[in-house]
Amino acid sequence: MTALLAVLAGALGLVTGHLVNRAAGRFPWAERRNSEPAVRRPVVEVATAVLFALVALRFGASPELPAFLFLAGAGVLLAVIDLRHRLLPNRVVVPSIGIGAGLLIVAAAVEASWPALLRGGLGAVVLFAVFLVLALISPSGLGMGDVKLAALLGLYLGWLGWGVLVIGAAAGFVAQAVVALALLAGRRIGLRGELPFGPAMLAGAALAIGWSDALLG
């Protein structure tokens, strides 16, 4: 059953990846642009399919699965846009917080997991506040898009546990440092080069979510 669910989720991921690639290719959406994909096919499509399948394997046929599949789709879209434009659009991040909260409310109602929902809400507030302080201290390193993304990720990481929240947030900084060092070593960027932080935040959160069972013991 779990394998079948993963296959179905992978198929959904292929379709989602196709839509995400086209949407990212048309960004910014206020302008009339062609429908060329943001990334050469089938990179985004296959990556999204694999990610969806992994999410299905991680959560199984649980009430929280739709919420985390939604996060995966939104995360891929945000990562592609941030890599191309160094921007995390409010039109994606802010509604994603509301939709994610709604899906987790449904999951909490089905499972009677109200403590997890409360923890998720608090996690969103805490991570938003922490990243807001960091952005005020170093505005060149973090933007308000990163701060709002922190609230979205805090909602999901907090749902899984405080330990997952801390590790997921910290893993984003580690991922960014590893990528920066690799690019410096390959002379792809200079010491003053700037990298978008959104993809690293999403990667760190994905790793924490994927390993959350082990993290929670």
N, C-alpha and C. Protein backbone atom coordinates (compact mmCIF):
# COMPACT_ATOMS: atom_id res chain seq x y z
N MET A 1 0.83 -1.20 0.00
CA MET A 1 0.00 0.00 0.00
C MET A 1 0.86 1.26 0.00
N THR A 2 1.93 1.25 0.84
CA THR A 2 2.80 2.42 0.90
C THR A 2 3.52 2.63 -0.42
N ALA A 3 3.97 1.54 -1.04
CA ALA A 3 4.65 1.65 -2.34
C ALA A 3 3.70 2.20 -3.40
N LEU A 4 2.45 1.74 -3.40
CA LEU A 4 1.48 2.24 -4.36
C LEU A 4 1.22 3.72 -4.13
N LEU A 5 1.13 4.11 -2.87
CA LEU A 5 0.92 5.52 -2.54
C LEU A 5 2.09 6.36 -3.03
N ALA A 6 3.31 5.84 -2.90
CA ALA A 6 4.49 6.57 -3.36
C ALA A 6 4.46 6.74 -4.87
N VAL A 7 4.02 5.70 -5.58
CA VAL A 7 3.93 5.78 -7.04
C VAL A 7 2.90 6.83 -7.45
N LEU A 8 1.75 6.81 -6.80
CA LEU A 8 0.70 7.79 -7.11
C LEU A 8 1.18 9.21 -6.78
N ALA A 9 1.86 9.34 -5.65
CA ALA A 9 2.39 10.66 -5.28
C ALA A 9 3.44 11.12 -6.29
N GLY A 10 4.27 10.19 -6.76
CA GLY A 10 5.25 10.53 -7.77
C GLY A 10 4.62 11.01 -9.05
N ALA A 11 3.53 10.37 -9.45
CA ALA A 11 2.81 10.80 -10.65
C ALA A 11 2.24 12.19 -10.46
N LEU A 12 1.69 12.44 -9.28
CA LEU A 12 1.19 13.78 -8.97
C LEU A 12 2.33 14.79 -8.97
N GLY A 13 3.49 14.36 -8.50
CA GLY A 13 4.66 15.23 -8.49
C GLY A 13 5.11 15.59 -9.90
N LEU A 14 5.02 14.66 -10.83
CA LEU A 14 5.37 14.96 -12.23
C LEU A 14 4.50 16.07 -12.78
N VAL A 15 3.20 15.96 -12.54
CA VAL A 15 2.27 16.99 -13.02
C VAL A 15 2.55 18.32 -12.32
N THR A 16 2.73 18.25 -11.00
CA THR A 16 3.02 19.46 -10.23
C THR A 16 4.32 20.11 -10.69
N GLY A 17 5.34 19.29 -10.92
CA GLY A 17 6.61 19.82 -11.39
C GLY A 17 6.49 20.52 -12.73
N HIS A 18 5.67 19.95 -13.63
CA HIS A 18 5.43 20.58 -14.93
C HIS A 18 4.79 21.96 -14.75
N LEU A 19 3.76 22.02 -13.89
CA LEU A 19 3.08 23.29 -13.65
C LEU A 19 4.00 24.30 -12.96
N VAL A 20 4.79 23.81 -12.01
CA VAL A 20 5.72 24.69 -11.29
C VAL A 20 6.77 25.25 -12.25
N ASN A 21 7.30 24.42 -13.12
CA ASN A 21 8.33 24.86 -14.06
C ASN A 21 7.79 25.93 -15.00
N ARG A 22 6.57 25.75 -15.47
CA ARG A 22 5.97 26.75 -16.35
C ARG A 22 5.65 28.03 -15.59
N ALA A 23 5.15 27.89 -14.35
CA ALA A 23 4.83 29.08 -13.56
C ALA A 23 6.09 29.88 -13.25
N ALA A 24 7.16 29.18 -12.89
CA ALA A 24 8.42 29.87 -12.60
C ALA A 24 8.99 30.52 -13.85
N GLY A 25 8.78 29.90 -15.00
CA GLY A 25 9.26 30.47 -16.25
C GLY A 25 8.54 31.74 -16.63
N ARG A 26 7.29 31.89 -16.19
CA ARG A 26 6.52 33.10 -16.50
C ARG A 26 6.70 34.20 -15.47
N PHE A 27 7.42 33.93 -14.39
CA PHE A 27 7.60 34.94 -13.35
C PHE A 27 8.49 36.07 -13.86
N PRO A 28 8.18 37.36 -13.52
CA PRO A 28 7.09 37.86 -12.67
C PRO A 28 5.76 37.86 -13.42
N TRP A 29 4.74 37.43 -12.73
CA TRP A 29 3.46 37.15 -13.37
C TRP A 29 2.70 38.40 -13.77
N ALA A 30 3.13 39.56 -13.31
CA ALA A 30 2.46 40.80 -13.70
C ALA A 30 2.75 41.14 -15.16
N GLU A 31 3.81 40.55 -15.71
CA GLU A 31 4.18 40.81 -17.09
C GLU A 31 3.68 39.69 -17.98
N ARG A 32 3.45 40.03 -19.23
CA ARG A 32 3.09 39.00 -20.21
C ARG A 32 4.37 38.35 -20.71
N ARG A 33 4.49 37.06 -20.44
CA ARG A 33 5.69 36.34 -20.82
C ARG A 33 5.30 35.06 -21.54
N ASN A 34 6.25 34.48 -22.25
CA ASN A 34 5.96 33.22 -22.92
C ASN A 34 5.88 32.09 -21.90
N SER A 35 5.52 30.93 -22.35
CA SER A 35 5.33 29.79 -21.44
C SER A 35 6.53 28.87 -21.40
N GLU A 36 7.72 29.39 -21.72
CA GLU A 36 8.94 28.58 -21.65
C GLU A 36 9.20 28.18 -20.21
N PRO A 37 9.64 26.96 -19.96
CA PRO A 37 9.92 26.53 -18.58
C PRO A 37 11.10 27.29 -18.00
N ALA A 38 11.14 27.38 -16.70
CA ALA A 38 12.24 28.07 -16.03
C ALA A 38 13.53 27.26 -16.13
N VAL A 39 13.41 25.94 -16.07
CA VAL A 39 14.55 25.03 -16.11
C VAL A 39 14.30 24.01 -17.22
N ARG A 40 15.35 23.64 -17.89
CA ARG A 40 15.20 22.68 -18.99
C ARG A 40 14.55 21.39 -18.50
N ARG A 41 13.53 20.94 -19.24
CA ARG A 41 12.84 19.71 -18.88
C ARG A 41 13.78 18.51 -19.05
N PRO A 42 13.65 17.46 -18.21
CA PRO A 42 12.64 17.26 -17.17
C PRO A 42 13.22 17.41 -15.75
N VAL A 43 14.16 18.32 -15.54
CA VAL A 43 14.85 18.40 -14.26
C VAL A 43 13.87 18.67 -13.12
N VAL A 44 13.10 19.75 -13.23
CA VAL A 44 12.16 20.11 -12.17
C VAL A 44 11.07 19.05 -12.03
N GLU A 45 10.60 18.55 -13.16
CA GLU A 45 9.52 17.57 -13.13
C GLU A 45 9.94 16.30 -12.39
N VAL A 46 11.11 15.78 -12.73
CA VAL A 46 11.59 14.55 -12.09
C VAL A 46 11.91 14.80 -10.62
N ALA A 47 12.55 15.92 -10.32
CA ALA A 47 12.89 16.23 -8.93
C ALA A 47 11.64 16.35 -8.07
N THR A 48 10.60 16.98 -8.60
CA THR A 48 9.35 17.10 -7.86
C THR A 48 8.68 15.75 -7.67
N ALA A 49 8.72 14.91 -8.69
CA ALA A 49 8.14 13.57 -8.57
C ALA A 49 8.85 12.77 -7.49
N VAL A 50 10.17 12.81 -7.48
CA VAL A 50 10.93 12.08 -6.46
C VAL A 50 10.62 12.63 -5.07
N LEU A 51 10.54 13.96 -4.96
CA LEU A 51 10.24 14.57 -3.67
C LEU A 51 8.86 14.17 -3.17
N PHE A 52 7.88 14.17 -4.05
CA PHE A 52 6.53 13.76 -3.66
C PHE A 52 6.51 12.30 -3.21
N ALA A 53 7.23 11.44 -3.93
CA ALA A 53 7.27 10.03 -3.56
C ALA A 53 7.92 9.86 -2.19
N LEU A 54 8.97 10.61 -1.92
CA LEU A 54 9.63 10.52 -0.61
C LEU A 54 8.71 11.01 0.51
N VAL A 55 7.95 12.06 0.23
CA VAL A 55 6.99 12.56 1.23
C VAL A 55 5.95 11.49 1.53
N ALA A 56 5.47 10.82 0.47
CA ALA A 56 4.48 9.75 0.67
C ALA A 56 5.06 8.60 1.47
N LEU A 57 6.31 8.25 1.21
CA LEU A 57 6.96 7.19 1.98
C LEU A 57 7.14 7.61 3.44
N ARG A 58 7.43 8.88 3.66
CA ARG A 58 7.66 9.37 5.02
C ARG A 58 6.37 9.38 5.84
N PHE A 59 5.27 9.85 5.26
CA PHE A 59 4.04 10.05 6.03
C PHE A 59 2.98 8.98 5.79
N GLY A 60 3.09 8.23 4.71
CA GLY A 60 2.10 7.21 4.46
C GLY A 60 0.71 7.81 4.24
N ALA A 61 -0.30 6.97 4.37
CA ALA A 61 -1.68 7.42 4.17
C ALA A 61 -2.20 8.07 5.44
N SER A 62 -1.59 9.18 5.81
CA SER A 62 -1.96 9.89 7.04
C SER A 62 -2.67 11.19 6.71
N PRO A 63 -3.44 11.74 7.64
CA PRO A 63 -4.14 13.01 7.39
C PRO A 63 -3.20 14.18 7.13
N GLU A 64 -1.94 14.08 7.58
CA GLU A 64 -1.00 15.18 7.37
C GLU A 64 -0.31 15.11 6.02
N LEU A 65 -0.48 14.02 5.28
CA LEU A 65 0.20 13.87 3.99
C LEU A 65 -0.15 15.00 3.02
N PRO A 66 -1.42 15.39 2.84
CA PRO A 66 -1.71 16.48 1.90
C PRO A 66 -0.99 17.78 2.26
N ALA A 67 -0.89 18.07 3.55
CA ALA A 67 -0.22 19.29 3.97
C ALA A 67 1.25 19.28 3.56
N PHE A 68 1.92 18.16 3.74
CA PHE A 68 3.35 18.10 3.42
C PHE A 68 3.58 17.97 1.92
N LEU A 69 2.65 17.39 1.18
CA LEU A 69 2.76 17.41 -0.28
C LEU A 69 2.61 18.83 -0.79
N PHE A 70 1.70 19.58 -0.19
CA PHE A 70 1.55 20.98 -0.58
C PHE A 70 2.84 21.76 -0.31
N LEU A 71 3.44 21.53 0.85
CA LEU A 71 4.69 22.20 1.17
C LEU A 71 5.77 21.85 0.15
N ALA A 72 5.82 20.60 -0.27
CA ALA A 72 6.82 20.18 -1.25
C ALA A 72 6.63 20.93 -2.57
N GLY A 73 5.40 21.02 -3.05
CA GLY A 73 5.14 21.72 -4.29
C GLY A 73 5.45 23.20 -4.21
N ALA A 74 4.99 23.83 -3.13
CA ALA A 74 5.27 25.26 -2.94
C ALA A 74 6.76 25.50 -2.77
N GLY A 75 7.43 24.59 -2.08
CA GLY A 75 8.86 24.74 -1.85
C GLY A 75 9.65 24.68 -3.15
N VAL A 76 9.29 23.77 -4.06
CA VAL A 76 9.99 23.69 -5.34
C VAL A 76 9.79 24.97 -6.13
N LEU A 77 8.57 25.48 -6.16
CA LEU A 77 8.31 26.74 -6.87
C LEU A 77 9.13 27.89 -6.30
N LEU A 78 9.15 28.00 -4.98
CA LEU A 78 9.90 29.08 -4.34
C LEU A 78 11.40 28.94 -4.59
N ALA A 79 11.90 27.71 -4.54
CA ALA A 79 13.34 27.50 -4.75
C ALA A 79 13.74 27.89 -6.17
N VAL A 80 12.95 27.50 -7.15
CA VAL A 80 13.29 27.82 -8.55
C VAL A 80 13.25 29.33 -8.77
N ILE A 81 12.22 29.99 -8.26
CA ILE A 81 12.11 31.44 -8.44
C ILE A 81 13.26 32.15 -7.72
N ASP A 82 13.57 31.72 -6.52
CA ASP A 82 14.64 32.38 -5.76
C ASP A 82 15.99 32.20 -6.44
N LEU A 83 16.24 31.03 -7.00
CA LEU A 83 17.50 30.79 -7.70
C LEU A 83 17.61 31.65 -8.96
N ARG A 84 16.50 31.88 -9.63
CA ARG A 84 16.51 32.65 -10.87
C ARG A 84 16.46 34.16 -10.64
N HIS A 85 15.69 34.58 -9.62
CA HIS A 85 15.43 36.01 -9.44
C HIS A 85 15.88 36.56 -8.08
N ARG A 86 16.37 35.68 -7.21
CA ARG A 86 16.75 36.09 -5.84
C ARG A 86 15.60 36.83 -5.17
N LEU A 87 14.45 36.19 -5.22
CA LEU A 87 13.23 36.77 -4.68
C LEU A 87 12.29 35.66 -4.27
N LEU A 88 11.65 35.83 -3.11
CA LEU A 88 10.61 34.92 -2.65
C LEU A 88 9.30 35.70 -2.66
N PRO A 89 8.48 35.52 -3.69
CA PRO A 89 7.30 36.38 -3.88
C PRO A 89 6.24 36.19 -2.79
N ASN A 90 5.71 37.32 -2.32
CA ASN A 90 4.63 37.28 -1.34
C ASN A 90 3.42 36.51 -1.87
N ARG A 91 3.21 36.56 -3.17
CA ARG A 91 2.05 35.90 -3.76
C ARG A 91 2.11 34.38 -3.64
N VAL A 92 3.27 33.86 -3.30
CA VAL A 92 3.40 32.43 -3.05
C VAL A 92 3.56 32.15 -1.56
N VAL A 93 4.44 32.89 -0.89
CA VAL A 93 4.77 32.59 0.51
C VAL A 93 3.57 32.82 1.43
N VAL A 94 2.96 33.99 1.33
CA VAL A 94 1.88 34.33 2.28
C VAL A 94 0.67 33.40 2.13
N PRO A 95 0.13 33.18 0.91
CA PRO A 95 -0.98 32.23 0.81
C PRO A 95 -0.58 30.82 1.24
N SER A 96 0.68 30.45 1.03
CA SER A 96 1.12 29.10 1.43
C SER A 96 1.03 28.91 2.93
N ILE A 97 1.29 29.98 3.68
CA ILE A 97 1.16 29.89 5.14
C ILE A 97 -0.29 29.60 5.52
N GLY A 98 -1.21 30.32 4.89
CA GLY A 98 -2.62 30.11 5.19
C GLY A 98 -3.11 28.74 4.75
N ILE A 99 -2.73 28.32 3.55
CA ILE A 99 -3.15 27.00 3.05
C ILE A 99 -2.55 25.89 3.90
N GLY A 100 -1.26 26.03 4.22
CA GLY A 100 -0.61 25.02 5.06
C GLY A 100 -1.27 24.91 6.42
N ALA A 101 -1.60 26.06 7.01
CA ALA A 101 -2.28 26.05 8.30
C ALA A 101 -3.64 25.37 8.20
N GLY A 102 -4.37 25.66 7.11
CA GLY A 102 -5.67 25.04 6.93
C GLY A 102 -5.58 23.53 6.80
N LEU A 103 -4.61 23.05 6.03
CA LEU A 103 -4.44 21.61 5.86
C LEU A 103 -4.02 20.93 7.16
N LEU A 104 -3.18 21.61 7.94
CA LEU A 104 -2.78 21.03 9.22
C LEU A 104 -3.92 21.07 10.23
N ILE A 105 -4.80 22.05 10.13
CA ILE A 105 -5.99 22.09 11.00
C ILE A 105 -6.86 20.87 10.70
N VAL A 106 -7.03 20.57 9.42
CA VAL A 106 -7.82 19.39 9.05
C VAL A 106 -7.16 18.13 9.61
N ALA A 107 -5.84 18.03 9.46
CA ALA A 107 -5.12 16.86 9.99
C ALA A 107 -5.26 16.76 11.50
N ALA A 108 -5.19 17.90 12.17
CA ALA A 108 -5.33 17.91 13.64
C ALA A 108 -6.73 17.47 14.05
N ALA A 109 -7.74 17.88 13.29
CA ALA A 109 -9.11 17.50 13.61
C ALA A 109 -9.33 16.01 13.42
N VAL A 110 -8.73 15.44 12.37
CA VAL A 110 -8.90 14.02 12.11
C VAL A 110 -8.16 13.18 13.15
N GLU A 111 -6.94 13.61 13.49
CA GLU A 111 -6.10 12.83 14.40
C GLU A 111 -6.22 13.26 15.86
N ALA A 112 -6.98 14.33 16.10
CA ALA A 112 -7.03 14.94 17.44
C ALA A 112 -5.62 15.34 17.90
N SER A 113 -4.87 15.93 16.96
CA SER A 113 -3.48 16.33 17.23
C SER A 113 -3.39 17.83 17.50
N TRP A 114 -4.24 18.31 18.39
CA TRP A 114 -4.25 19.74 18.67
C TRP A 114 -2.96 20.25 19.29
N PRO A 115 -2.30 19.47 20.16
CA PRO A 115 -1.00 19.95 20.66
C PRO A 115 0.02 20.17 19.55
N ALA A 116 0.03 19.29 18.55
CA ALA A 116 0.94 19.46 17.42
C ALA A 116 0.61 20.72 16.63
N LEU A 117 -0.69 20.99 16.46
CA LEU A 117 -1.10 22.19 15.75
C LEU A 117 -0.68 23.45 16.51
N LEU A 118 -0.88 23.44 17.82
CA LEU A 118 -0.46 24.58 18.64
C LEU A 118 1.05 24.77 18.55
N ARG A 119 1.78 23.67 18.62
CA ARG A 119 3.23 23.75 18.52
C ARG A 119 3.65 24.29 17.15
N GLY A 120 2.91 23.90 16.11
CA GLY A 120 3.21 24.40 14.77
C GLY A 120 2.99 25.90 14.68
N GLY A 121 1.89 26.37 15.27
CA GLY A 121 1.63 27.81 15.28
C GLY A 121 2.70 28.58 16.03
N LEU A 122 3.08 28.06 17.18
CA LEU A 122 4.15 28.70 17.94
C LEU A 122 5.48 28.64 17.20
N GLY A 123 5.72 27.52 16.52
CA GLY A 123 6.95 27.39 15.74
C GLY A 123 7.03 28.43 14.65
N ALA A 124 5.90 28.70 13.99
CA ALA A 124 5.87 29.72 12.95
C ALA A 124 6.22 31.09 13.52
N VAL A 125 5.63 31.40 14.67
CA VAL A 125 5.88 32.70 15.31
C VAL A 125 7.34 32.80 15.74
N VAL A 126 7.85 31.75 16.36
CA VAL A 126 9.23 31.78 16.87
C VAL A 126 10.23 31.93 15.73
N LEU A 127 10.08 31.12 14.69
CA LEU A 127 11.04 31.19 13.59
C LEU A 127 10.92 32.52 12.84
N PHE A 128 9.72 33.03 12.71
CA PHE A 128 9.53 34.35 12.10
C PHE A 128 10.27 35.41 12.90
N ALA A 129 10.12 35.38 14.22
CA ALA A 129 10.76 36.38 15.08
C ALA A 129 12.28 36.27 15.02
N VAL A 130 12.79 35.06 15.05
CA VAL A 130 14.25 34.86 15.01
C VAL A 130 14.82 35.38 13.70
N PHE A 131 14.20 35.04 12.59
CA PHE A 131 14.72 35.48 11.29
C PHE A 131 14.51 36.97 11.09
N LEU A 132 13.47 37.53 11.69
CA LEU A 132 13.26 38.98 11.59
C LEU A 132 14.40 39.71 12.29
N VAL A 133 14.78 39.24 13.46
CA VAL A 133 15.91 39.84 14.17
C VAL A 133 17.19 39.72 13.35
N LEU A 134 17.43 38.55 12.77
CA LEU A 134 18.62 38.35 11.95
C LEU A 134 18.61 39.25 10.72
N ALA A 135 17.43 39.44 10.13
CA ALA A 135 17.33 40.31 8.96
C ALA A 135 17.58 41.76 9.33
N LEU A 136 17.14 42.18 10.50
CA LEU A 136 17.38 43.55 10.94
C LEU A 136 18.85 43.78 11.26
N ILE A 137 19.49 42.75 11.79
CA ILE A 137 20.92 42.85 12.10
C ILE A 137 21.76 42.85 10.83
N SER A 138 21.40 41.99 9.88
CA SER A 138 22.16 41.85 8.64
C SER A 138 21.22 41.84 7.44
N PRO A 139 20.71 43.01 7.06
CA PRO A 139 19.76 43.06 5.94
C PRO A 139 20.34 42.61 4.61
N SER A 140 21.66 42.65 4.47
CA SER A 140 22.27 42.18 3.22
C SER A 140 22.28 40.65 3.13
N GLY A 141 22.16 39.98 4.28
CA GLY A 141 22.19 38.53 4.29
C GLY A 141 20.83 37.88 4.22
N LEU A 142 19.82 38.55 4.80
CA LEU A 142 18.47 38.00 4.81
C LEU A 142 17.48 39.08 4.40
N GLY A 143 16.51 38.69 3.60
CA GLY A 143 15.46 39.61 3.20
C GLY A 143 14.14 39.25 3.88
N MET A 144 13.14 40.07 3.67
CA MET A 144 11.84 39.82 4.29
C MET A 144 11.18 38.58 3.68
N GLY A 145 11.53 38.25 2.45
CA GLY A 145 11.02 37.00 1.89
C GLY A 145 11.51 35.80 2.67
N ASP A 146 12.77 35.85 3.09
CA ASP A 146 13.33 34.76 3.91
C ASP A 146 12.62 34.71 5.26
N VAL A 147 12.31 35.86 5.81
CA VAL A 147 11.64 35.92 7.11
C VAL A 147 10.25 35.29 7.02
N LYS A 148 9.52 35.60 5.96
CA LYS A 148 8.18 35.03 5.79
C LYS A 148 8.26 33.53 5.49
N LEU A 149 9.28 33.14 4.73
CA LEU A 149 9.47 31.71 4.48
C LEU A 149 9.76 30.98 5.79
N ALA A 150 10.49 31.63 6.69
CA ALA A 150 10.77 31.02 7.99
C ALA A 150 9.48 30.72 8.75
N ALA A 151 8.49 31.60 8.62
CA ALA A 151 7.20 31.36 9.28
C ALA A 151 6.52 30.13 8.69
N LEU A 152 6.56 30.00 7.36
CA LEU A 152 5.97 28.82 6.71
C LEU A 152 6.66 27.55 7.16
N LEU A 153 7.98 27.55 7.14
CA LEU A 153 8.72 26.35 7.55
C LEU A 153 8.56 26.07 9.03
N GLY A 154 8.50 27.12 9.84
CA GLY A 154 8.30 26.94 11.28
C GLY A 154 6.98 26.26 11.59
N LEU A 155 5.96 26.55 10.79
CA LEU A 155 4.65 25.91 10.98
C LEU A 155 4.76 24.40 10.84
N TYR A 156 5.44 23.95 9.80
CA TYR A 156 5.56 22.51 9.54
C TYR A 156 6.56 21.85 10.46
N LEU A 157 7.71 22.49 10.67
CA LEU A 157 8.72 21.91 11.55
C LEU A 157 8.21 21.84 12.98
N GLY A 158 7.52 22.89 13.41
CA GLY A 158 6.95 22.89 14.75
C GLY A 158 5.91 21.80 14.94
N TRP A 159 5.13 21.54 13.91
CA TRP A 159 4.14 20.45 13.97
C TRP A 159 4.81 19.13 14.33
N LEU A 160 6.00 18.92 13.80
CA LEU A 160 6.71 17.66 14.03
C LEU A 160 7.45 17.62 15.36
N GLY A 161 7.80 18.78 15.91
CA GLY A 161 8.48 18.78 17.21
C GLY A 161 9.47 19.92 17.32
N TRP A 162 9.75 20.31 18.55
CA TRP A 162 10.69 21.41 18.77
C TRP A 162 12.10 21.05 18.32
N GLY A 163 12.50 19.80 18.54
CA GLY A 163 13.82 19.38 18.09
C GLY A 163 13.95 19.46 16.58
N VAL A 164 12.89 19.07 15.88
CA VAL A 164 12.89 19.14 14.42
C VAL A 164 12.96 20.60 13.97
N LEU A 165 12.28 21.48 14.67
CA LEU A 165 12.30 22.90 14.35
C LEU A 165 13.72 23.46 14.44
N VAL A 166 14.38 23.17 15.54
CA VAL A 166 15.74 23.70 15.75
C VAL A 166 16.70 23.15 14.70
N ILE A 167 16.64 21.85 14.48
CA ILE A 167 17.56 21.23 13.52
C ILE A 167 17.25 21.69 12.09
N GLY A 168 15.98 21.81 11.75
CA GLY A 168 15.61 22.27 10.42
C GLY A 168 16.09 23.68 10.14
N ALA A 169 15.96 24.57 11.14
CA ALA A 169 16.43 25.95 10.96
C ALA A 169 17.95 25.99 10.85
N ALA A 170 18.63 25.26 11.72
CA ALA A 170 20.09 25.26 11.70
C ALA A 170 20.63 24.62 10.42
N ALA A 171 19.96 23.58 9.93
CA ALA A 171 20.43 22.89 8.73
C ALA A 171 20.43 23.80 7.52
N GLY A 172 19.53 24.78 7.50
CA GLY A 172 19.52 25.74 6.39
C GLY A 172 20.81 26.54 6.32
N PHE A 173 21.30 26.98 7.48
CA PHE A 173 22.55 27.73 7.51
C PHE A 173 23.73 26.84 7.13
N VAL A 174 23.70 25.59 7.57
CA VAL A 174 24.77 24.66 7.21
C VAL A 174 24.78 24.41 5.70
N ALA A 175 23.59 24.18 5.14
CA ALA A 175 23.50 23.94 3.70
C ALA A 175 24.01 25.14 2.91
N GLN A 176 23.67 26.34 3.35
CA GLN A 176 24.13 27.55 2.67
C GLN A 176 25.66 27.66 2.73
N ALA A 177 26.22 27.34 3.89
CA ALA A 177 27.67 27.42 4.05
C ALA A 177 28.38 26.41 3.16
N VAL A 178 27.85 25.20 3.09
CA VAL A 178 28.46 24.15 2.26
C VAL A 178 28.45 24.56 0.79
N VAL A 179 27.30 25.07 0.32
CA VAL A 179 27.20 25.49 -1.08
C VAL A 179 28.14 26.65 -1.36
N ALA A 180 28.19 27.62 -0.45
CA ALA A 180 29.07 28.77 -0.64
C ALA A 180 30.53 28.35 -0.72
N LEU A 181 30.94 27.44 0.16
CA LEU A 181 32.33 26.97 0.14
C LEU A 181 32.64 26.21 -1.15
N ALA A 182 31.68 25.41 -1.61
CA ALA A 182 31.89 24.66 -2.85
C ALA A 182 32.02 25.61 -4.04
N LEU A 183 31.19 26.65 -4.08
CA LEU A 183 31.26 27.61 -5.18
C LEU A 183 32.54 28.44 -5.11
N LEU A 184 32.97 28.77 -3.90
CA LEU A 184 34.23 29.48 -3.74
C LEU A 184 35.40 28.63 -4.20
N ALA A 185 35.38 27.36 -3.82
CA ALA A 185 36.46 26.46 -4.22
C ALA A 185 36.51 26.29 -5.73
N GLY A 186 35.33 26.28 -6.35
CA GLY A 186 35.28 26.17 -7.81
C GLY A 186 35.39 27.49 -8.53
N ARG A 187 35.60 28.57 -7.77
CA ARG A 187 35.74 29.93 -8.31
C ARG A 187 34.53 30.34 -9.13
N ARG A 188 33.35 29.87 -8.66
CA ARG A 188 32.10 30.28 -9.31
C ARG A 188 31.59 31.58 -8.74
N ILE A 189 31.97 31.90 -7.51
CA ILE A 189 31.63 33.18 -6.90
C ILE A 189 32.87 33.71 -6.19
N GLY A 190 32.86 35.02 -5.88
CA GLY A 190 33.94 35.63 -5.12
C GLY A 190 33.57 35.73 -3.66
N LEU A 191 34.48 36.28 -2.88
CA LEU A 191 34.25 36.42 -1.44
C LEU A 191 33.07 37.34 -1.15
N ARG A 192 32.79 38.27 -2.05
CA ARG A 192 31.67 39.19 -1.86
C ARG A 192 30.40 38.72 -2.56
N GLY A 193 30.45 37.53 -3.12
CA GLY A 193 29.29 37.03 -3.82
C GLY A 193 28.13 36.73 -2.88
N GLU A 194 26.93 36.91 -3.38
CA GLU A 194 25.73 36.68 -2.59
C GLU A 194 24.92 35.54 -3.20
N LEU A 195 24.39 34.71 -2.33
CA LEU A 195 23.57 33.58 -2.76
C LEU A 195 22.17 33.73 -2.17
N PRO A 196 21.14 33.33 -2.92
CA PRO A 196 19.80 33.32 -2.33
C PRO A 196 19.74 32.31 -1.20
N PHE A 197 19.06 32.68 -0.12
CA PHE A 197 19.03 31.82 1.06
C PHE A 197 17.82 30.89 1.09
N GLY A 198 16.80 31.23 0.31
CA GLY A 198 15.58 30.42 0.33
C GLY A 198 15.79 28.96 0.02
N PRO A 199 16.52 28.60 -1.06
CA PRO A 199 16.73 27.18 -1.36
C PRO A 199 17.43 26.44 -0.23
N ALA A 200 18.39 27.09 0.44
CA ALA A 200 19.08 26.43 1.55
C ALA A 200 18.14 26.22 2.73
N MET A 201 17.28 27.20 3.01
CA MET A 201 16.29 27.04 4.07
C MET A 201 15.36 25.87 3.78
N LEU A 202 14.92 25.78 2.53
CA LEU A 202 14.01 24.70 2.14
C LEU A 202 14.71 23.35 2.21
N ALA A 203 15.98 23.30 1.79
CA ALA A 203 16.73 22.04 1.84
C ALA A 203 16.94 21.60 3.29
N GLY A 204 17.27 22.54 4.16
CA GLY A 204 17.45 22.20 5.57
C GLY A 204 16.17 21.68 6.20
N ALA A 205 15.06 22.33 5.87
CA ALA A 205 13.77 21.88 6.39
C ALA A 205 13.41 20.50 5.85
N ALA A 206 13.70 20.26 4.57
CA ALA A 206 13.40 18.95 3.97
C ALA A 206 14.18 17.85 4.65
N LEU A 207 15.46 18.11 4.93
CA LEU A 207 16.27 17.11 5.61
C LEU A 207 15.72 16.82 7.01
N ALA A 208 15.35 17.87 7.73
CA ALA A 208 14.82 17.68 9.09
C ALA A 208 13.50 16.93 9.06
N ILE A 209 12.64 17.27 8.10
CA ILE A 209 11.35 16.57 8.00
C ILE A 209 11.56 15.11 7.63
N GLY A 210 12.47 14.85 6.71
CA GLY A 210 12.73 13.48 6.29
C GLY A 210 13.27 12.60 7.41
N TRP A 211 14.06 13.21 8.29
CA TRP A 211 14.68 12.46 9.39
C TRP A 211 13.96 12.68 10.72
N SER A 212 12.79 13.27 10.68
CA SER A 212 12.12 13.65 11.92
C SER A 212 11.80 12.45 12.80
N ASP A 213 11.49 11.30 12.19
CA ASP A 213 11.24 10.10 13.01
C ASP A 213 12.44 9.75 13.86
N ALA A 214 13.64 9.80 13.25
CA ALA A 214 14.85 9.49 13.99
C ALA A 214 15.14 10.58 15.02
N LEU A 215 14.88 11.85 14.66
CA LEU A 215 15.15 12.96 15.56
C LEU A 215 14.25 12.90 16.79
N LEU A 216 13.03 12.43 16.59
CA LEU A 216 12.09 12.35 17.69
C LEU A 216 12.28 11.07 18.52
N GLY A 217 13.16 10.21 18.05
CA GLY A 217 13.43 8.97 18.78
C GLY A 217 12.29 7.98 18.66
